[in-house]
């Protein structure tokens, strides 16, 4: 799940997430825009505040790895199917 969608689903702003995690608003903004990737410890803080199970995020990351194969990829998250699409 992309961070922007996770924030929206949690009804939380980037500023609120920054305050709750102790991260800077600039870092959160960079993660949302895909300019930077958070370290594992940082991901854990973000997942905790957004109430996201890390194993669910890992499923999306694994699916994204096989994009180049031309095979449509679907991930099940909380009982719903999501097609992983490339925004490039």
C-alpha atoms as a PDB file:
ATOM      1  CA  UNK A   1       0.000   0.000   0.000  1.00  0.00           C
ATOM      2  CA  UNK A   2       1.344   3.321  -0.977  1.00  0.00           C
ATOM      3  CA  UNK A   3       1.853   5.767   1.887  1.00  0.00           C
ATOM      4  CA  UNK A   4      -0.397   8.421   0.362  1.00  0.00           C
ATOM      5  CA  UNK A   5      -3.332   5.997   0.291  1.00  0.00           C
ATOM      6  CA  UNK A   6      -2.538   4.720   3.784  1.00  0.00           C
ATOM      7  CA  UNK A   7      -2.653   8.288   5.140  1.00  0.00           C
ATOM      8  CA  UNK A   8      -5.969   8.901   3.417  1.00  0.00           C
ATOM      9  CA  UNK A   9      -7.418   5.655   4.760  1.00  0.00           C
ATOM     10  CA  UNK A  10      -6.244   6.553   8.273  1.00  0.00           C
ATOM     11  CA  UNK A  11      -7.707  10.065   7.847  1.00  0.00           C
ATOM     12  CA  UNK A  12      -4.349  11.517   8.835  1.00  0.00           C
ATOM     13  CA  UNK A  13      -2.280  14.347   7.368  1.00  0.00           C
ATOM     14  CA  UNK A  14       1.432  14.194   6.675  1.00  0.00           C
ATOM     15  CA  UNK A  15       1.943  16.721   9.469  1.00  0.00           C
ATOM     16  CA  UNK A  16       0.025  14.558  11.964  1.00  0.00           C
ATOM     17  CA  UNK A  17       2.035  11.482  10.968  1.00  0.00           C
ATOM     18  CA  UNK A  18       5.258  13.445  11.373  1.00  0.00           C
ATOM     19  CA  UNK A  19       4.232  14.569  14.862  1.00  0.00           C
ATOM     20  CA  UNK A  20       3.166  11.068  15.949  1.00  0.00           C
ATOM     21  CA  UNK A  21       6.311   9.376  14.638  1.00  0.00           C
ATOM     22  CA  UNK A  22       8.804  12.079  15.596  1.00  0.00           C
ATOM     23  CA  UNK A  23       9.913  12.341  11.958  1.00  0.00           C
ATOM     24  CA  UNK A  24      10.208  15.603  10.083  1.00  0.00           C
ATOM     25  CA  UNK A  25       7.445  16.730   7.767  1.00  0.00           C
ATOM     26  CA  UNK A  26      10.102  16.886   5.030  1.00  0.00           C
ATOM     27  CA  UNK A  27      10.921  13.200   5.470  1.00  0.00           C
ATOM     28  CA  UNK A  28       7.264  12.167   5.438  1.00  0.00           C
ATOM     29  CA  UNK A  29       6.680  14.280   2.324  1.00  0.00           C
ATOM     30  CA  UNK A  30       9.667  12.671   0.584  1.00  0.00           C
ATOM     31  CA  UNK A  31       8.369   9.169   1.447  1.00  0.00           C
ATOM     32  CA  UNK A  32       4.881  10.035   0.162  1.00  0.00           C
ATOM     33  CA  UNK A  33       6.279  11.396  -3.117  1.00  0.00           C
ATOM     34  CA  UNK A  34       8.640   8.438  -3.514  1.00  0.00           C
ATOM     35  CA  UNK A  35      11.758  10.586  -3.404  1.00  0.00           C
ATOM     36  CA  UNK A  36      13.178   8.624  -0.467  1.00  0.00           C
ATOM     37  CA  UNK A  37      12.629   5.191   1.007  1.00  0.00           C
ATOM     38  CA  UNK A  38      12.359   4.880   4.797  1.00  0.00           C
ATOM     39  CA  UNK A  39      14.682   2.638   6.779  1.00  0.00           C
ATOM     40  CA  UNK A  40      13.212  -0.456   8.410  1.00  0.00           C
ATOM     41  CA  UNK A  41      12.951   1.248  11.816  1.00  0.00           C
ATOM     42  CA  UNK A  42      11.212   4.221  10.250  1.00  0.00           C
ATOM     43  CA  UNK A  43       8.779   1.961   8.391  1.00  0.00           C
ATOM     44  CA  UNK A  44       7.927   0.309  11.697  1.00  0.00           C
ATOM     45  CA  UNK A  45       7.064   3.689  13.255  1.00  0.00           C
ATOM     46  CA  UNK A  46       4.933   4.662  10.269  1.00  0.00           C
ATOM     47  CA  UNK A  47       3.123   1.298  10.140  1.00  0.00           C
ATOM     48  CA  UNK A  48       2.386   1.481  13.862  1.00  0.00           C
ATOM     49  CA  UNK A  49       0.850   4.951  13.650  1.00  0.00           C
ATOM     50  CA  UNK A  50      -1.190   4.076  10.559  1.00  0.00           C
ATOM     51  CA  UNK A  51      -2.282   0.772  12.103  1.00  0.00           C
ATOM     52  CA  UNK A  52      -0.903  -1.240   9.177  1.00  0.00           C
ATOM     53  CA  UNK A  53       0.329  -4.808   9.531  1.00  0.00           C
ATOM     54  CA  UNK A  54       3.888  -4.956   8.159  1.00  0.00           C
ATOM     55  CA  UNK A  55       3.283  -8.355   6.560  1.00  0.00           C
ATOM     56  CA  UNK A  56       0.548  -6.800   4.399  1.00  0.00           C
ATOM     57  CA  UNK A  57       2.928  -4.102   3.170  1.00  0.00           C
ATOM     58  CA  UNK A  58       5.545  -6.719   2.384  1.00  0.00           C
ATOM     59  CA  UNK A  59       3.045  -8.493   0.117  1.00  0.00           C
ATOM     60  CA  UNK A  60       2.681  -5.348  -1.963  1.00  0.00           C
ATOM     61  CA  UNK A  61       6.437  -4.896  -2.165  1.00  0.00           C
ATOM     62  CA  UNK A  62       6.914  -8.499  -3.274  1.00  0.00           C
ATOM     63  CA  UNK A  63       4.255  -8.066  -5.957  1.00  0.00           C
ATOM     64  CA  UNK A  64       5.911  -4.927  -7.281  1.00  0.00           C
ATOM     65  CA  UNK A  65       9.153  -6.847  -7.859  1.00  0.00           C
ATOM     66  CA  UNK A  66       7.598  -8.890 -10.680  1.00  0.00           C
ATOM     67  CA  UNK A  67       6.107  -5.972 -12.614  1.00  0.00           C
ATOM     68  CA  UNK A  68       8.413  -6.365 -15.583  1.00  0.00           C
ATOM     69  CA  UNK A  69       7.083  -9.837 -16.347  1.00  0.00           C
ATOM     70  CA  UNK A  70       3.895  -8.503 -17.965  1.00  0.00           C
ATOM     71  CA  UNK A  71       1.786 -10.671 -15.669  1.00  0.00           C
ATOM     72  CA  UNK A  72      -1.082  -8.875 -13.888  1.00  0.00           C
ATOM     73  CA  UNK A  73      -0.418  -9.011 -10.155  1.00  0.00           C
ATOM     74  CA  UNK A  74      -3.139  -9.100  -7.537  1.00  0.00           C
ATOM     75  CA  UNK A  75      -2.654  -8.913  -3.796  1.00  0.00           C
ATOM     76  CA  UNK A  76      -5.204  -9.849  -1.153  1.00  0.00           C
ATOM     77  CA  UNK A  77      -5.344  -7.295   1.651  1.00  0.00           C
ATOM     78  CA  UNK A  78      -7.916  -7.647   4.430  1.00  0.00           C
ATOM     79  CA  UNK A  79     -10.098  -9.881   2.281  1.00  0.00           C
ATOM     80  CA  UNK A  80     -10.122  -7.641  -0.810  1.00  0.00           C
ATOM     81  CA  UNK A  81      -8.213  -8.061  -4.069  1.00  0.00           C
ATOM     82  CA  UNK A  82      -6.044  -5.197  -5.288  1.00  0.00           C
ATOM     83  CA  UNK A  83      -4.406  -5.092  -8.686  1.00  0.00           C
ATOM     84  CA  UNK A  84      -0.872  -3.778  -8.347  1.00  0.00           C
ATOM     85  CA  UNK A  85      -0.335  -1.287 -11.148  1.00  0.00           C
ATOM     86  CA  UNK A  86       2.677   0.639 -12.324  1.00  0.00           C
ATOM     87  CA  UNK A  87       2.124   4.418 -12.299  1.00  0.00           C
ATOM     88  CA  UNK A  88       5.128   5.134 -14.538  1.00  0.00           C
END
